[in-house]
Amino acid sequence: MLDAFIESAAKSMFESHLSRYGELERFQWDREQRRMRMILRPAGETGTTLEVRILRYRVEKEGGKVFLVAEDVMSSRPWVQALLVDFVKDTRLELPSEMGMVASML
């Protein structure tokens, strides 16, 4: 039950961050393995999806803020994989303050 709540909160957060790039169709989160899987329908494209996986992440806390850091990322498309490695891997994504309580469980 708790995992479902946290997964729903995380999905909402990613939906807001990714909405300009496409629609988040599916989100799966494995708290024990510290992994996430997202299936997106890219904006302007029909009949195609894109898979993005965070294969390992960590949570950092600093100055009352909480950050998600993707340590290992993967995509179903090579060019997106390159973008993820260049701009997402090891980059701190600040989690919204309303996720503060949830973040400690990530």
Protein backbone atom coordinates (compact mmCIF):
# COMPACT_ATOMS: atom_id res chain seq x y z
CA MET A 1 0.00 0.00 0.00
CA LEU A 2 2.77 2.43 0.95
CA ASP A 3 4.78 1.55 -2.17
CA ALA A 4 1.73 2.24 -4.35
CA PHE A 5 1.30 5.67 -2.74
CA ILE A 6 4.96 6.55 -3.23
CA GLU A 7 4.90 5.27 -6.81
CA SER A 8 1.86 7.45 -7.52
CA ALA A 9 3.55 10.53 -6.03
CA ALA A 10 6.74 9.89 -8.00
CA LYS A 11 4.75 9.37 -11.20
CA SER A 12 3.03 12.73 -10.71
CA MET A 13 6.38 14.42 -10.22
CA PHE A 14 7.85 12.89 -13.38
CA GLU A 15 4.68 13.68 -15.36
CA SER A 16 5.09 17.37 -14.53
CA HIS A 17 8.80 17.36 -15.45
CA LEU A 18 8.28 15.46 -18.72
CA SER A 19 4.98 16.93 -19.97
CA ARG A 20 6.59 19.23 -22.53
CA TYR A 21 8.39 16.24 -24.09
CA GLY A 22 5.49 13.81 -24.18
CA GLU A 23 2.98 11.84 -22.18
CA LEU A 24 4.09 9.49 -19.43
CA GLU A 25 2.06 6.36 -20.20
CA ARG A 26 3.52 4.01 -17.63
CA PHE A 27 5.68 4.37 -14.56
CA GLN A 28 7.13 1.54 -12.49
CA TRP A 29 9.23 1.95 -9.41
CA ASP A 30 11.17 -0.68 -7.50
CA ARG A 31 12.16 0.80 -4.15
CA GLU A 32 14.20 -2.21 -3.05
CA GLN A 33 16.32 -2.28 -6.22
CA ARG A 34 16.31 1.55 -6.50
CA ARG A 35 15.12 1.42 -10.11
CA MET A 36 12.50 3.23 -12.19
CA ARG A 37 11.04 2.50 -15.60
CA MET A 38 9.07 4.97 -17.69
CA ILE A 39 7.25 4.51 -20.98
CA LEU A 40 6.64 7.80 -22.76
CA ARG A 41 4.70 8.74 -25.86
CA PRO A 42 6.83 11.51 -27.41
CA ALA A 43 5.03 14.76 -28.20
CA GLY A 44 4.14 15.02 -31.87
CA GLU A 45 4.60 11.31 -32.53
CA THR A 46 1.86 8.76 -32.97
CA GLY A 47 2.10 5.01 -32.62
CA THR A 48 5.50 5.08 -30.96
CA THR A 49 6.78 4.94 -27.43
CA LEU A 50 10.10 5.53 -25.73
CA GLU A 51 11.41 3.61 -22.76
CA VAL A 52 13.61 5.28 -20.15
CA ARG A 53 15.08 3.38 -17.22
CA ILE A 54 16.86 4.63 -14.17
CA LEU A 55 18.81 1.52 -13.32
CA ARG A 56 20.19 2.89 -10.06
CA TYR A 57 19.56 6.08 -8.12
CA ARG A 58 20.36 7.63 -4.79
CA VAL A 59 18.66 10.24 -2.64
CA GLU A 60 20.64 13.15 -1.23
CA LYS A 61 19.56 15.66 1.40
CA GLU A 62 21.09 19.10 1.76
CA GLY A 63 19.88 22.24 3.50
CA GLY A 64 16.36 20.93 4.00
CA LYS A 65 16.06 19.97 0.34
CA VAL A 66 15.90 16.47 -1.12
CA PHE A 67 17.45 15.47 -4.44
CA LEU A 68 17.18 12.40 -6.66
CA VAL A 69 20.40 11.48 -8.48
CA ALA A 70 20.27 8.96 -11.34
CA GLU A 71 23.51 7.00 -11.21
CA ASP A 72 22.82 4.71 -14.17
CA VAL A 73 20.36 5.37 -17.01
CA MET A 74 19.21 3.59 -20.15
CA SER A 75 16.87 4.30 -23.07
CA SER A 76 15.36 2.31 -25.91
CA ARG A 77 16.75 4.84 -28.40
CA PRO A 78 20.49 5.43 -28.77
CA TRP A 79 20.21 9.21 -29.23
CA VAL A 80 18.08 9.52 -26.08
CA GLN A 81 20.58 7.31 -24.28
CA ALA A 82 23.33 9.79 -25.20
CA LEU A 83 21.23 12.72 -23.92
CA LEU A 84 20.51 10.90 -20.66
CA VAL A 85 24.20 10.20 -20.08
CA ASP A 86 25.19 13.78 -20.96
CA PHE A 87 22.44 15.68 -19.11
CA VAL A 88 20.69 13.42 -16.57
CA LYS A 89 23.21 10.94 -15.21
CA ASP A 90 24.69 12.17 -11.92
CA THR A 91 22.58 15.36 -12.03
CA ARG A 92 20.64 16.31 -8.91
CA LEU A 93 16.89 16.64 -9.50
CA GLU A 94 15.32 18.56 -6.63
CA LEU A 95 12.20 16.84 -5.40
CA PRO A 96 9.17 19.03 -4.69
CA SER A 97 8.79 20.03 -1.04
CA GLU A 98 5.48 18.15 -0.82
CA MET A 99 7.44 14.97 -1.49
CA GLY A 100 9.72 15.62 1.48
CA MET A 101 8.07 12.96 3.65
CA VAL A 102 7.97 10.51 0.77
CA ALA A 103 11.57 11.16 -0.24
CA SER A 104 12.95 9.53 2.89
CA MET A 105 11.29 6.30 1.74
CA LEU A 106 12.77 6.39 -1.75
